[in-house]
Each structure stands twice: as C-alpha cells, then as structure tokens.
C-alpha cells in the first residue's frame, strides 16, 4: 500500500493510531498516564497544539496542529518509539517488541465543518465502542474541555449525533488514501 501524506503548513490533522493486534493495553490507567507523559514530551521536541483527543483501550485519535518546523509524521515517529521504549521498561521486556500497528491514518482537516465532524467523531468514539453511555463519562478525551467552553450542548452524544451519522467515513478514508 502506497500512502501519500500531505503536509500543509498550519493545517489541523486528524490521526488514528492502533495498538498492534488491537491489544487493549490502555485499559490500565498507568499506561494511559504514560501515553500522556510521552505525548507531552514529544510536544516539547515537535511543538503542536492538541485540539482534540481520545484514548481508547486499543487505539487513539488525535486532532493536532503542528506549530514548529516538525510535521505530524515527525510527531508520530517520535511518539511511537518513545512510548514503546518506556512501556517495555515498565513491563520488563528487554528484546524487540512491536507495540503499535505499522503506520497510522491521517486526514488533513479541510474546513470548519470537517473540523467539527472529526471533533464530534473523537468525542463520540467511547460511546460508539460501548465503553460508556455518554461522552462526558469517558475520562480520557477532550470532551469535557470542549463542553466547559460551551462547544457542546447538554446531553450531546447521548444518542448518535447527526454530524457523525450522515457522514460517509469509509469514503473519507478512501479519499485520504488515493
């Protein structure tokens, strides 16, 4: 598979990264904490603004805007090996280990509607996966931050949001990989 990445200065990018074999590693709080720490360390090396995120048991979604000379691939190529190294140290693995699925999926945000749609997707994801009944019940996402800024009305996401329901996510992925 030949993936083309588009690097547009100051662009916001939606990223999906999956754990190898979808192992639910982030079910354990200490590994979510490690992920947050490593992500903050990467932010120092490769500056970016986090606009949205969700950490699920076996994958994560980020909505970021690189702010320095690094691009989103630089960010991911720093996050993945640094997390894996620290994770291996924590669990006592000394040999090689594959933690993440190869590669990651990205989508450059095109406009405000596209941004809102992806932010909604991120925040509804824990409900979609049956982990909680309401987005605000999932602690590992940016939903509460956005809700506190009045970006979401009360009871948003208690049922399938129209912005997600009507969007052809499969077609969006195909567009990105052409």
Foldseek 3Di string as FASTA:
>chain_A
DDADDDFDAQWKKKKKWWWVVLQQQVVDVVLLVLLVVQLVVLCVVFPKDWPKKFDGRTMIMTTITTDDPDTVVSSVVSSQVVSVVVVCVVVVNDDDDRTIDPDIAMDTQDDPLSVVLSRLCRQLVCCVVVNDQASVVGPGICVVVCVVVVVDDPPPNNDDDPSNVPDDVVVRRVVNGD
